[in-house]
Each structure stands twice: as C-alpha cells, then as structure tokens.
Amino acid sequence: MGDPAIVVQKSYEWNLWILPKVEKFPKSYRFSVGQSLVSSSLDLLMNLVDATCQKKNATSLAATVRNMNRVRYLVRLSKDLNMVSLGAYEFASQSLNEIGRMTCGWWKSARGKAGEEGR
C-alpha cells in the first residue's frame, strides 16, 4: 500500500463531488437514496481518516470496504433512476474503483500485519 493520505484525499474529493449532486436529486428520492448515499460516502471518508490514526486499522478498513460497496450500489441505483447522467456515473465508477483498489490493498496489508503480530 502506498501513502494512506492519498486514499483519504481521493475519498475527500469524492465527497466534494457527490454531495452537491445529491442536492439536485428529485425530492422524492433525496431523503431516501440521497441521504443514504451522503451518509455512506461520509462514513467512507471518516473510516479512512480513523484508519490513518490507528496502529491496528483492519477494523476501520473493513468498515470502509463495506461502505464502498454500499456507495457503489447507491450510485448505480441513482443512475438507473436517472438521478445522475451516464457520464457522471462513469466518472463516479472510475473514482470509486480507484478508492476501492487503494483501500483493499491497504486492508489486505493491515490484515497480513495483524496475522503476523498474533504469531
């Protein structure tokens, strides 16, 4: 895993991008799908921030991976309900895939270290 600060920054940038998009969701979905998307995206960022401050960070990173999957499905649902354009969906998918790859690499590294410490 490279510098954890990079994945935190990417997640921060993701939140800067998605939060204004959700504000434009139709009222009928803003407080269901929109609020879930905002909450999961913010949780994703906060779990990454927490992981940077912990020596044993596998738990925070596992929570981040769960949030990542939630965000992916919520973005897909938003696209299928025509709340985000196909272009926005493609951008979101690329951004989330990048954050996901970096997080999963960090998580696997943290799990390996935790296993070594238990020996």
PDB file of N, CA and C in Angstrom:
ATOM      1  N   MET A   1       0.854  -1.181   0.000  1.00  0.00           N
ATOM      2  CA  MET A   1       0.000   0.000   0.000  1.00  0.00           C
ATOM      3  C   MET A   1       0.890   1.230   0.000  1.00  0.00           C
ATOM      4  N   GLY A   2       0.506   2.185  -0.805  1.00  0.00           N
ATOM      5  CA  GLY A   2       1.238   3.441  -0.863  1.00  0.00           C
ATOM      6  C   GLY A   2       0.879   4.315   0.331  1.00  0.00           C
ATOM      7  N   ASP A   3       0.908   5.583   0.130  1.00  0.00           N
ATOM      8  CA  ASP A   3       0.626   6.552   1.185  1.00  0.00           C
ATOM      9  C   ASP A   3      -0.877   6.566   1.496  1.00  0.00           C
ATOM     10  N   PRO A   4      -1.273   6.216   2.739  1.00  0.00           N
ATOM     11  CA  PRO A   4      -2.696   6.232   3.093  1.00  0.00           C
ATOM     12  C   PRO A   4      -3.343   7.602   2.904  1.00  0.00           C
ATOM     13  N   ALA A   5      -2.556   8.671   3.008  1.00  0.00           N
ATOM     14  CA  ALA A   5      -3.111  10.016   2.850  1.00  0.00           C
ATOM     15  C   ALA A   5      -3.699  10.215   1.456  1.00  0.00           C
ATOM     16  N   ILE A   6      -3.186   9.499   0.471  1.00  0.00           N
ATOM     17  CA  ILE A   6      -3.694   9.642  -0.899  1.00  0.00           C
ATOM     18  C   ILE A   6      -5.123   9.121  -0.995  1.00  0.00           C
ATOM     19  N   VAL A   7      -5.389   7.953  -0.421  1.00  0.00           N
ATOM     20  CA  VAL A   7      -6.745   7.408  -0.494  1.00  0.00           C
ATOM     21  C   VAL A   7      -7.716   8.251   0.335  1.00  0.00           C
ATOM     22  N   VAL A   8      -7.251   8.823   1.432  1.00  0.00           N
ATOM     23  CA  VAL A   8      -8.099   9.728   2.210  1.00  0.00           C
ATOM     24  C   VAL A   8      -8.433  10.958   1.365  1.00  0.00           C
ATOM     25  N   GLN A   9      -7.453  11.506   0.670  1.00  0.00           N
ATOM     26  CA  GLN A   9      -7.684  12.667  -0.187  1.00  0.00           C
ATOM     27  C   GLN A   9      -8.655  12.329  -1.322  1.00  0.00           C
ATOM     28  N   LYS A  10      -8.499  11.145  -1.917  1.00  0.00           N
ATOM     29  CA  LYS A  10      -9.410  10.729  -3.002  1.00  0.00           C
ATOM     30  C   LYS A  10     -10.840  10.614  -2.468  1.00  0.00           C
ATOM     31  N   SER A  11     -10.988  10.081  -1.266  1.00  0.00           N
ATOM     32  CA  SER A  11     -12.310   9.965  -0.662  1.00  0.00           C
ATOM     33  C   SER A  11     -12.892  11.346  -0.339  1.00  0.00           C
ATOM     34  N   TYR A  12     -12.046  12.250   0.108  1.00  0.00           N
ATOM     35  CA  TYR A  12     -12.477  13.627   0.366  1.00  0.00           C
ATOM     36  C   TYR A  12     -12.981  14.271  -0.935  1.00  0.00           C
ATOM     37  N   GLU A  13     -12.209  14.098  -1.995  1.00  0.00           N
ATOM     38  CA  GLU A  13     -12.599  14.642  -3.302  1.00  0.00           C
ATOM     39  C   GLU A  13     -13.896  14.013  -3.787  1.00  0.00           C
ATOM     40  N   TRP A  14     -14.074  12.719  -3.517  1.00  0.00           N
ATOM     41  CA  TRP A  14     -15.328  12.041  -3.883  1.00  0.00           C
ATOM     42  C   TRP A  14     -16.499  12.735  -3.180  1.00  0.00           C
ATOM     43  N   ASN A  15     -16.346  13.003  -1.888  1.00  0.00           N
ATOM     44  CA  ASN A  15     -17.416  13.658  -1.144  1.00  0.00           C
ATOM     45  C   ASN A  15     -17.690  15.064  -1.667  1.00  0.00           C
ATOM     46  N   LEU A  16     -16.633  15.787  -2.017  1.00  0.00           N
ATOM     47  CA  LEU A  16     -16.833  17.120  -2.608  1.00  0.00           C
ATOM     48  C   LEU A  16     -17.628  17.045  -3.905  1.00  0.00           C
ATOM     49  N   TRP A  17     -17.470  15.978  -4.648  1.00  0.00           N
ATOM     50  CA  TRP A  17     -18.156  15.814  -5.928  1.00  0.00           C
ATOM     51  C   TRP A  17     -19.587  15.332  -5.742  1.00  0.00           C
ATOM     52  N   ILE A  18     -19.794  14.327  -4.870  1.00  0.00           N
ATOM     53  CA  ILE A  18     -21.121  13.699  -4.774  1.00  0.00           C
ATOM     54  C   ILE A  18     -22.123  14.519  -3.961  1.00  0.00           C
ATOM     55  N   LEU A  19     -21.685  15.219  -2.923  1.00  0.00           N
ATOM     56  CA  LEU A  19     -22.648  15.935  -2.090  1.00  0.00           C
ATOM     57  C   LEU A  19     -23.481  16.962  -2.861  1.00  0.00           C
ATOM     58  N   PRO A  20     -22.876  17.800  -3.711  1.00  0.00           N
ATOM     59  CA  PRO A  20     -23.707  18.724  -4.497  1.00  0.00           C
ATOM     60  C   PRO A  20     -24.623  18.002  -5.495  1.00  0.00           C
ATOM     61  N   LYS A  21     -24.197  16.840  -5.991  1.00  0.00           N
ATOM     62  CA  LYS A  21     -25.044  16.069  -6.912  1.00  0.00           C
ATOM     63  C   LYS A  21     -26.317  15.625  -6.197  1.00  0.00           C
ATOM     64  N   VAL A  22     -26.161  15.159  -4.961  1.00  0.00           N
ATOM     65  CA  VAL A  22     -27.316  14.661  -4.211  1.00  0.00           C
ATOM     66  C   VAL A  22     -28.317  15.787  -3.927  1.00  0.00           C
ATOM     67  N   GLU A  23     -27.825  16.990  -3.741  1.00  0.00           N
ATOM     68  CA  GLU A  23     -28.724  18.135  -3.515  1.00  0.00           C
ATOM     69  C   GLU A  23     -29.683  18.340  -4.683  1.00  0.00           C
ATOM     70  N   LYS A  24     -29.290  17.865  -5.860  1.00  0.00           N
ATOM     71  CA  LYS A  24     -30.115  18.039  -7.059  1.00  0.00           C
ATOM     72  C   LYS A  24     -31.014  16.839  -7.338  1.00  0.00           C
ATOM     73  N   PHE A  25     -30.964  15.813  -6.492  1.00  0.00           N
ATOM     74  CA  PHE A  25     -31.849  14.658  -6.666  1.00  0.00           C
ATOM     75  C   PHE A  25     -33.296  15.130  -6.519  1.00  0.00           C
ATOM     76  N   PRO A  26     -34.223  14.472  -7.198  1.00  0.00           N
ATOM     77  CA  PRO A  26     -35.641  14.811  -7.002  1.00  0.00           C
ATOM     78  C   PRO A  26     -36.027  14.643  -5.527  1.00  0.00           C
ATOM     79  N   LYS A  27     -36.923  15.483  -5.087  1.00  0.00           N
ATOM     80  CA  LYS A  27     -37.339  15.462  -3.682  1.00  0.00           C
ATOM     81  C   LYS A  27     -37.806  14.066  -3.255  1.00  0.00           C
ATOM     82  N   SER A  28     -38.435  13.337  -4.162  1.00  0.00           N
ATOM     83  CA  SER A  28     -38.961  12.014  -3.822  1.00  0.00           C
ATOM     84  C   SER A  28     -37.862  11.009  -3.476  1.00  0.00           C
ATOM     85  N   TYR A  29     -36.611  11.268  -3.905  1.00  0.00           N
ATOM     86  CA  TYR A  29     -35.500  10.357  -3.618  1.00  0.00           C
ATOM     87  C   TYR A  29     -34.406  10.983  -2.752  1.00  0.00           C
ATOM     88  N   ARG A  30     -34.455  12.284  -2.581  1.00  0.00           N
ATOM     89  CA  ARG A  30     -33.378  12.984  -1.877  1.00  0.00           C
ATOM     90  C   ARG A  30     -33.206  12.490  -0.439  1.00  0.00           C
ATOM     91  N   PHE A  31     -34.305  12.161   0.218  1.00  0.00           N
ATOM     92  CA  PHE A  31     -34.213  11.783   1.631  1.00  0.00           C
ATOM     93  C   PHE A  31     -34.143  10.283   1.834  1.00  0.00           C
ATOM     94  N   SER A  32     -34.186   9.523   0.771  1.00  0.00           N
ATOM     95  CA  SER A  32     -34.030   8.070   0.890  1.00  0.00           C
ATOM     96  C   SER A  32     -32.693   7.674   0.272  1.00  0.00           C
ATOM     97  N   VAL A  33     -32.673   7.592  -1.039  1.00  0.00           N
ATOM     98  CA  VAL A  33     -31.443   7.224  -1.743  1.00  0.00           C
ATOM     99  C   VAL A  33     -30.368   8.283  -1.511  1.00  0.00           C
ATOM    100  N   GLY A  34     -30.734   9.538  -1.632  1.00  0.00           N
ATOM    101  CA  GLY A  34     -29.769  10.629  -1.486  1.00  0.00           C
ATOM    102  C   GLY A  34     -29.127  10.660  -0.110  1.00  0.00           C
ATOM    103  N   GLN A  35     -29.943  10.577   0.927  1.00  0.00           N
ATOM    104  CA  GLN A  35     -29.403  10.629   2.288  1.00  0.00           C
ATOM    105  C   GLN A  35     -28.534   9.404   2.571  1.00  0.00           C
ATOM    106  N   SER A  36     -28.928   8.237   2.066  1.00  0.00           N
ATOM    107  CA  SER A  36     -28.117   7.030   2.243  1.00  0.00           C
ATOM    108  C   SER A  36     -26.777   7.172   1.537  1.00  0.00           C
ATOM    109  N   LEU A  37     -26.794   7.764   0.352  1.00  0.00           N
ATOM    110  CA  LEU A  37     -25.565   7.968  -0.409  1.00  0.00           C
ATOM    111  C   LEU A  37     -24.635   8.953   0.313  1.00  0.00           C
ATOM    112  N   VAL A  38     -25.194  10.025   0.806  1.00  0.00           N
ATOM    113  CA  VAL A  38     -24.393  11.010   1.553  1.00  0.00           C
ATOM    114  C   VAL A  38     -23.825  10.373   2.813  1.00  0.00           C
ATOM    115  N   SER A  39     -24.652   9.699   3.569  1.00  0.00           N
ATOM    116  CA  SER A  39     -24.216   9.080   4.816  1.00  0.00           C
ATOM    117  C   SER A  39     -23.119   8.041   4.575  1.00  0.00           C
ATOM    118  N   SER A  40     -23.308   7.183   3.576  1.00  0.00           N
ATOM    119  CA  SER A  40     -22.308   6.149   3.271  1.00  0.00           C
ATOM    120  C   SER A  40     -21.014   6.762   2.763  1.00  0.00           C
ATOM    121  N   SER A  41     -21.120   7.820   1.970  1.00  0.00           N
ATOM    122  CA  SER A  41     -19.919   8.487   1.445  1.00  0.00           C
ATOM    123  C   SER A  41     -19.130   9.155   2.569  1.00  0.00           C
ATOM    124  N   LEU A  42     -19.833   9.805   3.481  1.00  0.00           N
ATOM    125  CA  LEU A  42     -19.161  10.436   4.622  1.00  0.00           C
ATOM    126  C   LEU A  42     -18.558   9.383   5.551  1.00  0.00           C
ATOM    127  N   ASP A  43     -19.278   8.275   5.755  1.00  0.00           N
ATOM    128  CA  ASP A  43     -18.737   7.183   6.573  1.00  0.00           C
ATOM    129  C   ASP A  43     -17.479   6.605   5.940  1.00  0.00           C
ATOM    130  N   LEU A  44     -17.481   6.505   4.624  1.00  0.00           N
ATOM    131  CA  LEU A  44     -16.307   6.019   3.897  1.00  0.00           C
ATOM    132  C   LEU A  44     -15.103   6.896   4.226  1.00  0.00           C
ATOM    133  N   LEU A  45     -15.275   8.195   4.129  1.00  0.00           N
ATOM    134  CA  LEU A  45     -14.200   9.138   4.435  1.00  0.00           C
ATOM    135  C   LEU A  45     -13.777   9.037   5.901  1.00  0.00           C
ATOM    136  N   MET A  46     -14.735   9.019   6.818  1.00  0.00           N
ATOM    137  CA  MET A  46     -14.402   9.000   8.241  1.00  0.00           C
ATOM    138  C   MET A  46     -13.694   7.702   8.637  1.00  0.00           C
ATOM    139  N   ASN A  47     -14.092   6.572   8.059  1.00  0.00           N
ATOM    140  CA  ASN A  47     -13.404   5.315   8.358  1.00  0.00           C
ATOM    141  C   ASN A  47     -11.964   5.355   7.866  1.00  0.00           C
ATOM    142  N   LEU A  48     -11.737   5.958   6.717  1.00  0.00           N
ATOM    143  CA  LEU A  48     -10.363   6.093   6.225  1.00  0.00           C
ATOM    144  C   LEU A  48      -9.544   7.016   7.123  1.00  0.00           C
ATOM    145  N   VAL A  49     -10.153   8.107   7.551  1.00  0.00           N
ATOM    146  CA  VAL A  49      -9.468   9.028   8.467  1.00  0.00           C
ATOM    147  C   VAL A  49      -9.115   8.287   9.759  1.00  0.00           C
ATOM    148  N   ASP A  50     -10.073   7.526  10.285  1.00  0.00           N
ATOM    149  CA  ASP A  50      -9.818   6.759  11.507  1.00  0.00           C
ATOM    150  C   ASP A  50      -8.668   5.770  11.300  1.00  0.00           C
ATOM    151  N   ALA A  51      -8.646   5.110  10.153  1.00  0.00           N
ATOM    152  CA  ALA A  51      -7.619   4.099   9.880  1.00  0.00           C
ATOM    153  C   ALA A  51      -6.228   4.707   9.852  1.00  0.00           C
ATOM    154  N   THR A  52      -6.115   5.959   9.435  1.00  0.00           N
ATOM    155  CA  THR A  52      -4.790   6.590   9.388  1.00  0.00           C
ATOM    156  C   THR A  52      -4.268   6.888  10.788  1.00  0.00           C
ATOM    157  N   CYS A  53      -5.166   6.950  11.758  1.00  0.00           N
ATOM    158  CA  CYS A  53      -4.784   7.299  13.130  1.00  0.00           C
ATOM    159  C   CYS A  53      -4.630   6.086  14.034  1.00  0.00           C
ATOM    160  N   GLN A  54      -4.823   4.882  13.495  1.00  0.00           N
ATOM    161  CA  GLN A  54      -4.785   3.677  14.312  1.00  0.00           C
ATOM    162  C   GLN A  54      -3.651   2.771  13.870  1.00  0.00           C
ATOM    163  N   LYS A  55      -2.971   2.208  14.843  1.00  0.00           N
ATOM    164  CA  LYS A  55      -1.926   1.243  14.513  1.00  0.00           C
ATOM    165  C   LYS A  55      -2.558  -0.047  13.999  1.00  0.00           C
ATOM    166  N   LYS A  56      -3.603  -0.515  14.684  1.00  0.00           N
ATOM    167  CA  LYS A  56      -4.350  -1.695  14.247  1.00  0.00           C
ATOM    168  C   LYS A  56      -5.602  -1.186  13.544  1.00  0.00           C
ATOM    169  N   ASN A  57      -5.529  -1.067  12.225  1.00  0.00           N
ATOM    170  CA  ASN A  57      -6.582  -0.393  11.469  1.00  0.00           C
ATOM    171  C   ASN A  57      -7.424  -1.317  10.608  1.00  0.00           C
ATOM    172  N   ALA A  58      -7.259  -2.633  10.729  1.00  0.00           N
ATOM    173  CA  ALA A  58      -8.003  -3.559   9.870  1.00  0.00           C
ATOM    174  C   ALA A  58      -9.514  -3.417  10.048  1.00  0.00           C
ATOM    175  N   THR A  59      -9.969  -3.136  11.267  1.00  0.00           N
ATOM    176  CA  THR A  59     -11.412  -2.998  11.509  1.00  0.00           C
ATOM    177  C   THR A  59     -11.975  -1.778  10.783  1.00  0.00           C
ATOM    178  N   SER A  60     -11.291  -0.645  10.873  1.00  0.00           N
ATOM    179  CA  SER A  60     -11.745   0.567  10.166  1.00  0.00           C
ATOM    180  C   SER A  60     -11.711   0.361   8.657  1.00  0.00           C
ATOM    181  N   LEU A  61     -10.703  -0.352   8.192  1.00  0.00           N
ATOM    182  CA  LEU A  61     -10.595  -0.586   6.746  1.00  0.00           C
ATOM    183  C   LEU A  61     -11.668  -1.562   6.268  1.00  0.00           C
ATOM    184  N   ALA A  62     -12.015  -2.543   7.078  1.00  0.00           N
ATOM    185  CA  ALA A  62     -13.105  -3.460   6.719  1.00  0.00           C
ATOM    186  C   ALA A  62     -14.420  -2.684   6.622  1.00  0.00           C
ATOM    187  N   ALA A  63     -14.642  -1.760   7.552  1.00  0.00           N
ATOM    188  CA  ALA A  63     -15.845  -0.918   7.503  1.00  0.00           C
ATOM    189  C   ALA A  63     -15.823  -0.047   6.254  1.00  0.00           C
ATOM    190  N   THR A  64     -14.646   0.420   5.870  1.00  0.00           N
ATOM    191  CA  THR A  64     -14.511   1.236   4.660  1.00  0.00           C
ATOM    192  C   THR A  64     -14.900   0.430   3.428  1.00  0.00           C
ATOM    193  N   VAL A  65     -14.461  -0.806   3.371  1.00  0.00           N
ATOM    194  CA  VAL A  65     -14.796  -1.667   2.229  1.00  0.00           C
ATOM    195  C   VAL A  65     -16.308  -1.883   2.173  1.00  0.00           C
ATOM    196  N   ARG A  66     -16.957  -2.102   3.316  1.00  0.00           N
ATOM    197  CA  ARG A  66     -18.419  -2.250   3.331  1.00  0.00           C
ATOM    198  C   ARG A  66     -19.091  -0.977   2.833  1.00  0.00           C
ATOM    199  N   ASN A  67     -18.611   0.176   3.305  1.00  0.00           N
ATOM    200  CA  ASN A  67     -19.192   1.440   2.855  1.00  0.00           C
ATOM    201  C   ASN A  67     -18.983   1.632   1.358  1.00  0.00           C
ATOM    202  N   MET A  68     -17.815   1.238   0.873  1.00  0.00           N
ATOM    203  CA  MET A  68     -17.517   1.368  -0.555  1.00  0.00           C
ATOM    204  C   MET A  68     -18.556   0.595  -1.375  1.00  0.00           C
ATOM    205  N   ASN A  69     -18.867  -0.615  -0.954  1.00  0.00           N
ATOM    206  CA  ASN A  69     -19.848  -1.414  -1.687  1.00  0.00           C
ATOM    207  C   ASN A  69     -21.233  -0.779  -1.629  1.00  0.00           C
ATOM    208  N   ARG A  70     -21.591  -0.228  -0.483  1.00  0.00           N
ATOM    209  CA  ARG A  70     -22.878   0.469  -0.367  1.00  0.00           C
ATOM    210  C   ARG A  70     -22.934   1.661  -1.317  1.00  0.00           C
ATOM    211  N   VAL A  71     -21.873   2.449  -1.330  1.00  0.00           N
ATOM    212  CA  VAL A  71     -21.831   3.636  -2.189  1.00  0.00           C
ATOM    213  C   VAL A  71     -21.937   3.220  -3.651  1.00  0.00           C
ATOM    214  N   ARG A  72     -21.218   2.186  -4.044  1.00  0.00           N
ATOM    215  CA  ARG A  72     -21.278   1.723  -5.444  1.00  0.00           C
ATOM    216  C   ARG A  72     -22.707   1.391  -5.852  1.00  0.00           C
ATOM    217  N   TYR A  73     -23.420   0.649  -5.004  1.00  0.00           N
ATOM    218  CA  TYR A  73     -24.794   0.277  -5.336  1.00  0.00           C
ATOM    219  C   TYR A  73     -25.737   1.472  -5.316  1.00  0.00           C
ATOM    220  N   LEU A  74     -25.522   2.392  -4.397  1.00  0.00           N
ATOM    221  CA  LEU A  74     -26.366   3.583  -4.365  1.00  0.00           C
ATOM    222  C   LEU A  74     -26.137   4.467  -5.592  1.00  0.00           C
ATOM    223  N   VAL A  75     -24.903   4.554  -6.047  1.00  0.00           N
ATOM    224  CA  VAL A  75     -24.617   5.329  -7.262  1.00  0.00           C
ATOM    225  C   VAL A  75     -25.259   4.649  -8.469  1.00  0.00           C
ATOM    226  N   ARG A  76     -25.147   3.336  -8.518  1.00  0.00           N
ATOM    227  CA  ARG A  76     -25.768   2.586  -9.626  1.00  0.00           C
ATOM    228  C   ARG A  76     -27.281   2.788  -9.622  1.00  0.00           C
ATOM    229  N   LEU A  77     -27.900   2.711  -8.438  1.00  0.00           N
ATOM    230  CA  LEU A  77     -29.338   2.944  -8.317  1.00  0.00           C
ATOM    231  C   LEU A  77     -29.688   4.362  -8.764  1.00  0.00           C
ATOM    232  N   SER A  78     -28.872   5.324  -8.389  1.00  0.00           N
ATOM    233  CA  SER A  78     -29.091   6.715  -8.791  1.00  0.00           C
ATOM    234  C   SER A  78     -29.055   6.863 -10.309  1.00  0.00           C
ATOM    235  N   LYS A  79     -28.140   6.147 -10.931  1.00  0.00           N
ATOM    236  CA  LYS A  79     -28.059   6.175 -12.397  1.00  0.00           C
ATOM    237  C   LYS A  79     -29.294   5.529 -13.008  1.00  0.00           C
ATOM    238  N   ASP A  80     -29.678   4.376 -12.483  1.00  0.00           N
ATOM    239  CA  ASP A  80     -30.832   3.660 -13.037  1.00  0.00           C
ATOM    240  C   ASP A  80     -32.148   4.410 -12.833  1.00  0.00           C
ATOM    241  N   LEU A  81     -32.204   5.250 -11.811  1.00  0.00           N
ATOM    242  CA  LEU A  81     -33.391   6.089 -11.573  1.00  0.00           C
ATOM    243  C   LEU A  81     -33.266   7.451 -12.258  1.00  0.00           C
ATOM    244  N   ASN A  82     -32.240   7.598 -13.087  1.00  0.00           N
ATOM    245  CA  ASN A  82     -31.997   8.825 -13.866  1.00  0.00           C
ATOM    246  C   ASN A  82     -31.761  10.062 -13.006  1.00  0.00           C
ATOM    247  N   MET A  83     -31.120   9.859 -11.854  1.00  0.00           N
ATOM    248  CA  MET A  83     -30.786  10.998 -10.999  1.00  0.00           C
ATOM    249  C   MET A  83     -29.376  11.497 -11.274  1.00  0.00           C
ATOM    250  N   VAL A  84     -28.548  10.665 -11.893  1.00  0.00           N
ATOM    251  CA  VAL A  84     -27.238  11.085 -12.370  1.00  0.00           C
ATOM    252  C   VAL A  84     -27.112  10.636 -13.824  1.00  0.00           C
ATOM    253  N   SER A  85     -26.403  11.419 -14.586  1.00  0.00           N
ATOM    254  CA  SER A  85     -26.224  11.113 -16.006  1.00  0.00           C
ATOM    255  C   SER A  85     -25.279   9.932 -16.189  1.00  0.00           C
ATOM    256  N   LEU A  86     -25.272   9.384 -17.375  1.00  0.00           N
ATOM    257  CA  LEU A  86     -24.360   8.283 -17.680  1.00  0.00           C
ATOM    258  C   LEU A  86     -22.909   8.732 -17.534  1.00  0.00           C
ATOM    259  N   GLY A  87     -22.608   9.951 -17.967  1.00  0.00           N
ATOM    260  CA  GLY A  87     -21.256  10.492 -17.826  1.00  0.00           C
ATOM    261  C   GLY A  87     -20.847  10.634 -16.362  1.00  0.00           C
ATOM    262  N   ALA A  88     -21.771  11.117 -15.537  1.00  0.00           N
ATOM    263  CA  ALA A  88     -21.493  11.244 -14.105  1.00  0.00           C
ATOM    264  C   ALA A  88     -21.309   9.863 -13.483  1.00  0.00           C
ATOM    265  N   TYR A  89     -22.099   8.903 -13.927  1.00  0.00           N
ATOM    266  CA  TYR A  89     -21.979   7.536 -13.419  1.00  0.00           C
ATOM    267  C   TYR A  89     -20.617   6.943 -13.792  1.00  0.00           C
ATOM    268  N   GLU A  90     -20.180   7.184 -15.011  1.00  0.00           N
ATOM    269  CA  GLU A  90     -18.871   6.679 -15.436  1.00  0.00           C
ATOM    270  C   GLU A  90     -17.755   7.304 -14.603  1.00  0.00           C
ATOM    271  N   PHE A  91     -17.837   8.608 -14.374  1.00  0.00           N
ATOM    272  CA  PHE A  91     -16.851   9.287 -13.533  1.00  0.00           C
ATOM    273  C   PHE A  91     -16.876   8.711 -12.119  1.00  0.00           C
ATOM    274  N   ALA A  92     -18.078   8.545 -11.571  1.00  0.00           N
ATOM    275  CA  ALA A  92     -18.219   8.010 -10.216  1.00  0.00           C
ATOM    276  C   ALA A  92     -17.637   6.601 -10.133  1.00  0.00           C
ATOM    277  N   SER A  93     -17.922   5.779 -11.117  1.00  0.00           N
ATOM    278  CA  SER A  93     -17.410   4.405 -11.120  1.00  0.00           C
ATOM    279  C   SER A  93     -15.894   4.381 -11.138  1.00  0.00           C
ATOM    280  N   GLN A  94     -15.301   5.226 -11.954  1.00  0.00           N
ATOM    281  CA  GLN A  94     -13.833   5.285 -12.019  1.00  0.00           C
ATOM    282  C   GLN A  94     -13.251   5.759 -10.687  1.00  0.00           C
ATOM    283  N   SER A  95     -13.839   6.778 -10.112  1.00  0.00           N
ATOM    284  CA  SER A  95     -13.365   7.306  -8.828  1.00  0.00           C
ATOM    285  C   SER A  95     -13.482   6.260  -7.731  1.00  0.00           C
ATOM    286  N   LEU A  96     -14.639   5.604  -7.665  1.00  0.00           N
ATOM    287  CA  LEU A  96     -14.865   4.606  -6.625  1.00  0.00           C
ATOM    288  C   LEU A  96     -13.980   3.379  -6.820  1.00  0.00           C
ATOM    289  N   ASN A  97     -13.746   2.994  -8.063  1.00  0.00           N
ATOM    290  CA  ASN A  97     -12.847   1.865  -8.318  1.00  0.00           C
ATOM    291  C   ASN A  97     -11.433   2.179  -7.844  1.00  0.00           C
ATOM    292  N   GLU A  98     -10.984   3.412  -8.078  1.00  0.00           N
ATOM    293  CA  GLU A  98      -9.650   3.807  -7.636  1.00  0.00           C
ATOM    294  C   GLU A  98      -9.559   3.789  -6.105  1.00  0.00           C
ATOM    295  N   ILE A  99     -10.545   4.371  -5.448  1.00  0.00           N
ATOM    296  CA  ILE A  99     -10.564   4.373  -3.984  1.00  0.00           C
ATOM    297  C   ILE A  99     -10.649   2.935  -3.471  1.00  0.00           C
ATOM    298  N   GLY A 100     -11.463   2.135  -4.111  1.00  0.00           N
ATOM    299  CA  GLY A 100     -11.631   0.742  -3.703  1.00  0.00           C
ATOM    300  C   GLY A 100     -10.356  -0.072  -3.823  1.00  0.00           C
ATOM    301  N   ARG A 101      -9.649   0.080  -4.930  1.00  0.00           N
ATOM    302  CA  ARG A 101      -8.383  -0.648  -5.119  1.00  0.00           C
ATOM    303  C   ARG A 101      -7.368  -0.250  -4.047  1.00  0.00           C
ATOM    304  N   MET A 102      -7.262   1.039  -3.802  1.00  0.00           N
ATOM    305  CA  MET A 102      -6.304   1.520  -2.808  1.00  0.00           C
ATOM    306  C   MET A 102      -6.680   1.032  -1.403  1.00  0.00           C
ATOM    307  N   THR A 103      -7.956   1.098  -1.078  1.00  0.00           N
ATOM    308  CA  THR A 103      -8.421   0.674   0.240  1.00  0.00           C
ATOM    309  C   THR A 103      -8.242  -0.823   0.429  1.00  0.00           C
ATOM    310  N   CYS A 104      -8.601  -1.609  -0.577  1.00  0.00           N
ATOM    311  CA  CYS A 104      -8.462  -3.066  -0.464  1.00  0.00           C
ATOM    312  C   CYS A 104      -7.000  -3.468  -0.309  1.00  0.00           C
ATOM    313  N   GLY A 105      -6.115  -2.808  -1.007  1.00  0.00           N
ATOM    314  CA  GLY A 105      -4.682  -3.082  -0.858  1.00  0.00           C
ATOM    315  C   GLY A 105      -4.210  -2.772   0.550  1.00  0.00           C
ATOM    316  N   TRP A 106      -4.646  -1.652   1.084  1.00  0.00           N
ATOM    317  CA  TRP A 106      -4.284  -1.243   2.432  1.00  0.00           C
ATOM    318  C   TRP A 106      -4.850  -2.230   3.452  1.00  0.00           C
ATOM    319  N   TRP A 107      -6.116  -2.652   3.242  1.00  0.00           N
ATOM    320  CA  TRP A 107      -6.791  -3.586   4.142  1.00  0.00           C
ATOM    321  C   TRP A 107      -6.078  -4.938   4.152  1.00  0.00           C
ATOM    322  N   LYS A 108      -5.747  -5.436   2.977  1.00  0.00           N
ATOM    323  CA  LYS A 108      -5.042  -6.722   2.893  1.00  0.00           C
ATOM    324  C   LYS A 108      -3.697  -6.642   3.593  1.00  0.00           C
ATOM    325  N   SER A 109      -3.010  -5.536   3.421  1.00  0.00           N
ATOM    326  CA  SER A 109      -1.731  -5.326   4.098  1.00  0.00           C
ATOM    327  C   SER A 109      -1.929  -5.287   5.613  1.00  0.00           C
ATOM    328  N   ALA A 110      -2.948  -4.603   6.073  1.00  0.00           N
ATOM    329  CA  ALA A 110      -3.223  -4.490   7.512  1.00  0.00           C
ATOM    330  C   ALA A 110      -3.618  -5.846   8.097  1.00  0.00           C
ATOM    331  N   ARG A 111      -4.401  -6.624   7.353  1.00  0.00           N
ATOM    332  CA  ARG A 111      -4.790  -7.953   7.848  1.00  0.00           C
ATOM    333  C   ARG A 111      -3.566  -8.853   7.935  1.00  0.00           C
ATOM    334  N   GLY A 112      -2.666  -8.751   6.959  1.00  0.00           N
ATOM    335  CA  GLY A 112      -1.443  -9.549   6.987  1.00  0.00           C
ATOM    336  C   GLY A 112      -0.580  -9.203   8.181  1.00  0.00           C
ATOM    337  N   LYS A 113      -0.463  -7.923   8.474  1.00  0.00           N
ATOM    338  CA  LYS A 113       0.335  -7.483   9.627  1.00  0.00           C
ATOM    339  C   LYS A 113      -0.296  -7.939  10.929  1.00  0.00           C
ATOM    340  N   ALA A 114      -1.633  -7.885  10.994  1.00  0.00           N
ATOM    341  CA  ALA A 114      -2.323  -8.315  12.210  1.00  0.00           C
ATOM    342  C   ALA A 114      -2.117  -9.799  12.443  1.00  0.00           C
ATOM    343  N   GLY A 115      -2.110 -10.581  11.372  1.00  0.00           N
ATOM    344  CA  GLY A 115      -1.860 -12.014  11.485  1.00  0.00           C
ATOM    345  C   GLY A 115      -0.441 -12.321  11.936  1.00  0.00           C
ATOM    346  N   GLU A 116       0.508 -11.540  11.453  1.00  0.00           N
ATOM    347  CA  GLU A 116       1.905 -11.739  11.848  1.00  0.00           C
ATOM    348  C   GLU A 116       2.131 -11.399  13.312  1.00  0.00           C
ATOM    349  N   GLU A 117       1.403 -10.382  13.817  1.00  0.00           N
ATOM    350  CA  GLU A 117       1.575  -9.980  15.212  1.00  0.00           C
ATOM    351  C   GLU A 117       1.023 -11.033  16.160  1.00  0.00           C
ATOM    352  N   GLY A 118       0.051 -11.824  15.689  1.00  0.00           N
ATOM    353  CA  GLY A 118      -0.562 -12.846  16.523  1.00  0.00           C
ATOM    354  C   GLY A 118       0.296 -14.095  16.654  1.00  0.00           C
ATOM    355  N   ARG A 119       1.374 -14.201  15.892  1.00  0.00           N
ATOM    356  CA  ARG A 119       2.224 -15.391  15.928  1.00  0.00           C
ATOM    357  C   ARG A 119       3.199 -15.366  17.065  1.00  0.00           C
TER     358      ARG A 119
END
